[in-house]
Amino acid sequence: MVRSTKREPRVGDLVHHWIFPRHEWTAILLKIEHKEDSYDDKALVKMVPGVKYEEYFTTLRRSSNGRGWVHKKWLWVYDNTRTDAEIIEAFFHRKQ
């Protein structure tokens, strides 16, 4: 999947979810659970306070601490070199 940066998300990064606007869904990457196929890797994230979807895991998955697991393929790291329009365009023109 095309990301806004060439590097993969790493523990400690601020990450965003492809489905949501970057200012609304922001989390800190806490842990990566590697699978045989890297496409299935999972990431434990903690939502950043103050973003629109801060309660994403507390309402969706009944987590009491704002943490939750998400497939790493859905995460990307913003590096401040692309505009939102360029990020959206890259997403829609990615290779399937």
N, C-alpha and C. Protein backbone atom coordinates (compact mmCIF):
# COMPACT_ATOMS: atom_id res chain seq x y z
N MET A 1 0.84 -1.18 0.00
CA MET A 1 0.00 0.00 0.00
C MET A 1 0.89 1.24 0.00
N VAL A 2 0.52 2.23 -0.74
CA VAL A 2 1.27 3.47 -0.82
C VAL A 2 1.09 4.25 0.47
N ARG A 3 2.16 4.77 0.97
CA ARG A 3 2.11 5.59 2.19
C ARG A 3 2.62 6.98 1.84
N SER A 4 2.48 7.90 2.77
CA SER A 4 2.96 9.25 2.47
C SER A 4 4.47 9.33 2.59
N THR A 5 5.08 8.35 3.20
CA THR A 5 6.53 8.31 3.30
C THR A 5 7.00 6.97 2.77
N LYS A 6 8.27 6.86 2.49
CA LYS A 6 8.81 5.61 1.97
C LYS A 6 9.08 4.60 3.08
N ARG A 7 9.18 5.06 4.31
CA ARG A 7 9.51 4.13 5.39
C ARG A 7 8.27 3.55 6.07
N GLU A 8 8.47 2.38 6.59
CA GLU A 8 7.40 1.70 7.31
C GLU A 8 7.24 2.32 8.70
N PRO A 9 6.03 2.28 9.25
CA PRO A 9 5.84 2.77 10.62
C PRO A 9 6.67 1.94 11.60
N ARG A 10 7.24 2.62 12.59
CA ARG A 10 8.04 1.97 13.63
C ARG A 10 7.48 2.32 14.99
N VAL A 11 7.82 1.52 15.98
CA VAL A 11 7.38 1.78 17.35
C VAL A 11 7.82 3.19 17.75
N GLY A 12 6.88 3.94 18.31
CA GLY A 12 7.15 5.30 18.72
C GLY A 12 6.69 6.36 17.74
N ASP A 13 6.36 5.95 16.52
CA ASP A 13 5.88 6.90 15.50
C ASP A 13 4.45 7.35 15.79
N LEU A 14 4.16 8.58 15.36
CA LEU A 14 2.77 9.03 15.29
C LEU A 14 2.25 8.52 13.95
N VAL A 15 1.18 7.77 14.00
CA VAL A 15 0.64 7.15 12.78
C VAL A 15 -0.79 7.62 12.55
N HIS A 16 -1.21 7.46 11.30
CA HIS A 16 -2.55 7.83 10.87
C HIS A 16 -3.16 6.63 10.15
N HIS A 17 -4.49 6.59 10.10
CA HIS A 17 -5.22 5.50 9.46
C HIS A 17 -5.68 5.97 8.08
N TRP A 18 -5.55 5.11 7.08
CA TRP A 18 -5.91 5.47 5.70
C TRP A 18 -7.36 5.88 5.54
N ILE A 19 -8.25 5.34 6.33
CA ILE A 19 -9.68 5.60 6.15
C ILE A 19 -10.09 6.99 6.66
N PHE A 20 -9.36 7.52 7.62
CA PHE A 20 -9.75 8.77 8.27
C PHE A 20 -8.81 9.92 7.89
N PRO A 21 -9.31 11.15 7.89
CA PRO A 21 -8.42 12.30 7.67
C PRO A 21 -7.32 12.32 8.74
N ARG A 22 -6.12 12.74 8.34
CA ARG A 22 -4.97 12.60 9.25
C ARG A 22 -5.10 13.40 10.53
N HIS A 23 -5.87 14.50 10.52
CA HIS A 23 -6.03 15.31 11.72
C HIS A 23 -7.09 14.73 12.66
N GLU A 24 -7.84 13.75 12.19
CA GLU A 24 -8.92 13.19 13.00
C GLU A 24 -8.57 11.86 13.65
N TRP A 25 -7.63 11.11 13.07
CA TRP A 25 -7.25 9.79 13.60
C TRP A 25 -5.73 9.75 13.68
N THR A 26 -5.21 9.99 14.87
CA THR A 26 -3.77 9.99 15.10
C THR A 26 -3.51 9.15 16.33
N ALA A 27 -2.50 8.30 16.24
CA ALA A 27 -2.17 7.41 17.35
C ALA A 27 -0.66 7.24 17.46
N ILE A 28 -0.22 6.76 18.61
CA ILE A 28 1.19 6.43 18.84
C ILE A 28 1.32 4.92 18.67
N LEU A 29 2.27 4.50 17.87
CA LEU A 29 2.51 3.08 17.64
C LEU A 29 3.31 2.51 18.81
N LEU A 30 2.70 1.57 19.54
CA LEU A 30 3.32 1.02 20.74
C LEU A 30 4.04 -0.31 20.51
N LYS A 31 3.48 -1.13 19.63
CA LYS A 31 4.03 -2.48 19.45
C LYS A 31 3.61 -3.01 18.08
N ILE A 32 4.49 -3.80 17.48
CA ILE A 32 4.15 -4.45 16.21
C ILE A 32 4.23 -5.95 16.41
N GLU A 33 3.17 -6.65 16.03
CA GLU A 33 3.13 -8.11 16.10
C GLU A 33 3.35 -8.63 14.68
N HIS A 34 4.53 -9.20 14.46
CA HIS A 34 4.89 -9.66 13.12
C HIS A 34 4.29 -11.04 12.84
N LYS A 35 3.78 -11.20 11.64
CA LYS A 35 3.21 -12.47 11.17
C LYS A 35 4.11 -13.01 10.07
N GLU A 36 3.87 -14.26 9.65
CA GLU A 36 4.66 -14.86 8.56
C GLU A 36 4.60 -13.99 7.32
N ASP A 37 3.42 -13.56 6.97
CA ASP A 37 3.23 -12.67 5.82
C ASP A 37 3.15 -11.24 6.38
N SER A 38 4.08 -10.37 6.01
CA SER A 38 4.12 -9.02 6.59
C SER A 38 2.83 -8.24 6.31
N TYR A 39 2.08 -8.66 5.31
CA TYR A 39 0.81 -8.02 4.99
C TYR A 39 -0.19 -8.14 6.15
N ASP A 40 -0.01 -9.18 6.98
CA ASP A 40 -0.91 -9.43 8.11
C ASP A 40 -0.39 -8.90 9.44
N ASP A 41 0.73 -8.16 9.44
CA ASP A 41 1.27 -7.61 10.68
C ASP A 41 0.21 -6.76 11.38
N LYS A 42 0.19 -6.84 12.71
CA LYS A 42 -0.74 -6.03 13.49
C LYS A 42 0.05 -5.05 14.34
N ALA A 43 -0.58 -3.92 14.65
CA ALA A 43 0.07 -2.88 15.44
C ALA A 43 -0.83 -2.50 16.62
N LEU A 44 -0.20 -2.40 17.78
CA LEU A 44 -0.91 -1.91 18.97
C LEU A 44 -0.68 -0.41 19.02
N VAL A 45 -1.76 0.34 19.04
CA VAL A 45 -1.66 1.80 19.04
C VAL A 45 -2.46 2.38 20.20
N LYS A 46 -2.08 3.60 20.59
CA LYS A 46 -2.81 4.36 21.60
C LYS A 46 -3.21 5.67 20.96
N MET A 47 -4.50 5.95 20.97
CA MET A 47 -5.01 7.17 20.35
C MET A 47 -4.47 8.41 21.08
N VAL A 48 -4.18 9.45 20.30
CA VAL A 48 -3.68 10.70 20.84
C VAL A 48 -4.86 11.51 21.38
N PRO A 49 -4.74 12.01 22.61
CA PRO A 49 -5.82 12.83 23.16
C PRO A 49 -6.04 14.09 22.34
N GLY A 50 -7.32 14.44 22.15
CA GLY A 50 -7.67 15.67 21.46
C GLY A 50 -8.06 15.49 20.00
N VAL A 51 -7.81 14.32 19.41
CA VAL A 51 -8.23 14.11 18.03
C VAL A 51 -9.70 13.69 18.01
N LYS A 52 -10.35 13.86 16.88
CA LYS A 52 -11.79 13.57 16.76
C LYS A 52 -12.12 12.14 17.19
N TYR A 53 -11.30 11.18 16.76
CA TYR A 53 -11.57 9.78 17.08
C TYR A 53 -10.75 9.28 18.27
N GLU A 54 -10.55 10.14 19.24
CA GLU A 54 -9.81 9.78 20.46
C GLU A 54 -10.44 8.56 21.14
N GLU A 55 -11.74 8.43 21.06
CA GLU A 55 -12.47 7.33 21.72
C GLU A 55 -12.69 6.14 20.78
N TYR A 56 -11.95 6.07 19.69
CA TYR A 56 -12.13 5.04 18.66
C TYR A 56 -12.16 3.63 19.26
N PHE A 57 -11.17 3.29 20.05
CA PHE A 57 -11.10 1.93 20.59
C PHE A 57 -11.99 1.74 21.81
N THR A 58 -12.29 2.80 22.55
CA THR A 58 -13.15 2.66 23.72
C THR A 58 -14.59 2.40 23.32
N THR A 59 -15.04 2.99 22.21
CA THR A 59 -16.42 2.77 21.77
C THR A 59 -16.53 1.56 20.84
N LEU A 60 -15.57 1.39 19.95
CA LEU A 60 -15.64 0.32 18.96
C LEU A 60 -15.33 -1.05 19.56
N ARG A 61 -14.29 -1.11 20.35
CA ARG A 61 -13.83 -2.41 20.86
C ARG A 61 -13.88 -2.53 22.38
N ARG A 62 -14.53 -1.58 23.02
CA ARG A 62 -14.71 -1.59 24.47
C ARG A 62 -13.39 -1.65 25.24
N SER A 63 -12.39 -0.93 24.76
CA SER A 63 -11.11 -0.82 25.45
C SER A 63 -11.24 0.30 26.47
N SER A 64 -10.72 0.09 27.67
CA SER A 64 -10.84 1.12 28.70
C SER A 64 -9.64 2.06 28.73
N ASN A 65 -8.59 1.75 27.95
CA ASN A 65 -7.38 2.56 28.02
C ASN A 65 -7.05 3.29 26.71
N GLY A 66 -7.94 3.24 25.73
CA GLY A 66 -7.70 3.93 24.46
C GLY A 66 -6.71 3.24 23.54
N ARG A 67 -6.35 2.01 23.89
CA ARG A 67 -5.42 1.23 23.07
C ARG A 67 -6.20 0.19 22.28
N GLY A 68 -5.60 -0.20 21.14
CA GLY A 68 -6.22 -1.24 20.35
C GLY A 68 -5.31 -1.72 19.24
N TRP A 69 -5.68 -2.87 18.68
CA TRP A 69 -4.91 -3.47 17.60
C TRP A 69 -5.54 -3.11 16.26
N VAL A 70 -4.69 -2.83 15.28
CA VAL A 70 -5.12 -2.53 13.93
C VAL A 70 -4.08 -3.13 12.98
N HIS A 71 -4.51 -3.57 11.81
CA HIS A 71 -3.55 -4.10 10.84
C HIS A 71 -2.59 -2.98 10.42
N LYS A 72 -1.31 -3.28 10.44
CA LYS A 72 -0.30 -2.27 10.12
C LYS A 72 -0.45 -1.74 8.70
N LYS A 73 -1.00 -2.53 7.80
CA LYS A 73 -1.16 -2.09 6.41
C LYS A 73 -2.05 -0.85 6.30
N TRP A 74 -2.86 -0.58 7.32
CA TRP A 74 -3.76 0.57 7.29
C TRP A 74 -3.11 1.82 7.87
N LEU A 75 -1.88 1.71 8.37
CA LEU A 75 -1.23 2.84 9.02
C LEU A 75 -0.18 3.49 8.13
N TRP A 76 0.01 4.78 8.29
CA TRP A 76 1.05 5.50 7.57
C TRP A 76 1.58 6.61 8.45
N VAL A 77 2.79 7.05 8.13
CA VAL A 77 3.46 8.10 8.90
C VAL A 77 3.51 9.36 8.06
N TYR A 78 3.04 10.45 8.61
CA TYR A 78 3.07 11.74 7.91
C TYR A 78 4.42 12.41 8.16
N ASP A 79 5.09 12.83 7.08
CA ASP A 79 6.42 13.44 7.25
C ASP A 79 6.46 14.91 6.86
N ASN A 80 5.30 15.53 6.67
CA ASN A 80 5.20 16.97 6.41
C ASN A 80 5.72 17.39 5.04
N THR A 81 5.87 16.45 4.09
CA THR A 81 6.35 16.83 2.77
C THR A 81 5.27 16.76 1.71
N ARG A 82 4.11 16.23 2.03
CA ARG A 82 3.02 16.13 1.07
C ARG A 82 1.78 16.84 1.60
N THR A 83 1.01 17.38 0.69
CA THR A 83 -0.26 17.99 1.08
C THR A 83 -1.31 16.89 1.24
N ASP A 84 -2.41 17.22 1.88
CA ASP A 84 -3.49 16.25 2.03
C ASP A 84 -3.99 15.78 0.67
N ALA A 85 -4.09 16.69 -0.29
CA ALA A 85 -4.57 16.32 -1.63
C ALA A 85 -3.64 15.30 -2.28
N GLU A 86 -2.33 15.48 -2.13
CA GLU A 86 -1.36 14.53 -2.70
C GLU A 86 -1.46 13.17 -2.04
N ILE A 87 -1.70 13.15 -0.74
CA ILE A 87 -1.85 11.89 0.00
C ILE A 87 -3.09 11.15 -0.50
N ILE A 88 -4.20 11.87 -0.64
CA ILE A 88 -5.45 11.24 -1.11
C ILE A 88 -5.28 10.74 -2.54
N GLU A 89 -4.63 11.52 -3.38
CA GLU A 89 -4.39 11.09 -4.76
C GLU A 89 -3.53 9.83 -4.81
N ALA A 90 -2.49 9.77 -4.00
CA ALA A 90 -1.62 8.58 -3.95
C ALA A 90 -2.42 7.37 -3.50
N PHE A 91 -3.32 7.54 -2.55
CA PHE A 91 -4.14 6.45 -2.05
C PHE A 91 -5.03 5.88 -3.15
N PHE A 92 -5.68 6.75 -3.92
CA PHE A 92 -6.61 6.30 -4.95
C PHE A 92 -5.91 5.77 -6.20
N HIS A 93 -4.64 6.10 -6.39
CA HIS A 93 -3.91 5.63 -7.56
C HIS A 93 -2.91 4.53 -7.22
N ARG A 94 -3.00 3.95 -6.04
CA ARG A 94 -2.06 2.91 -5.63
C ARG A 94 -2.29 1.64 -6.45
N LYS A 95 -1.28 0.79 -6.48
CA LYS A 95 -1.42 -0.50 -7.17
C LYS A 95 -2.22 -1.43 -6.30
N GLN A 96 -3.08 -2.20 -6.88
CA GLN A 96 -3.92 -3.13 -6.13
C GLN A 96 -3.20 -4.43 -5.90
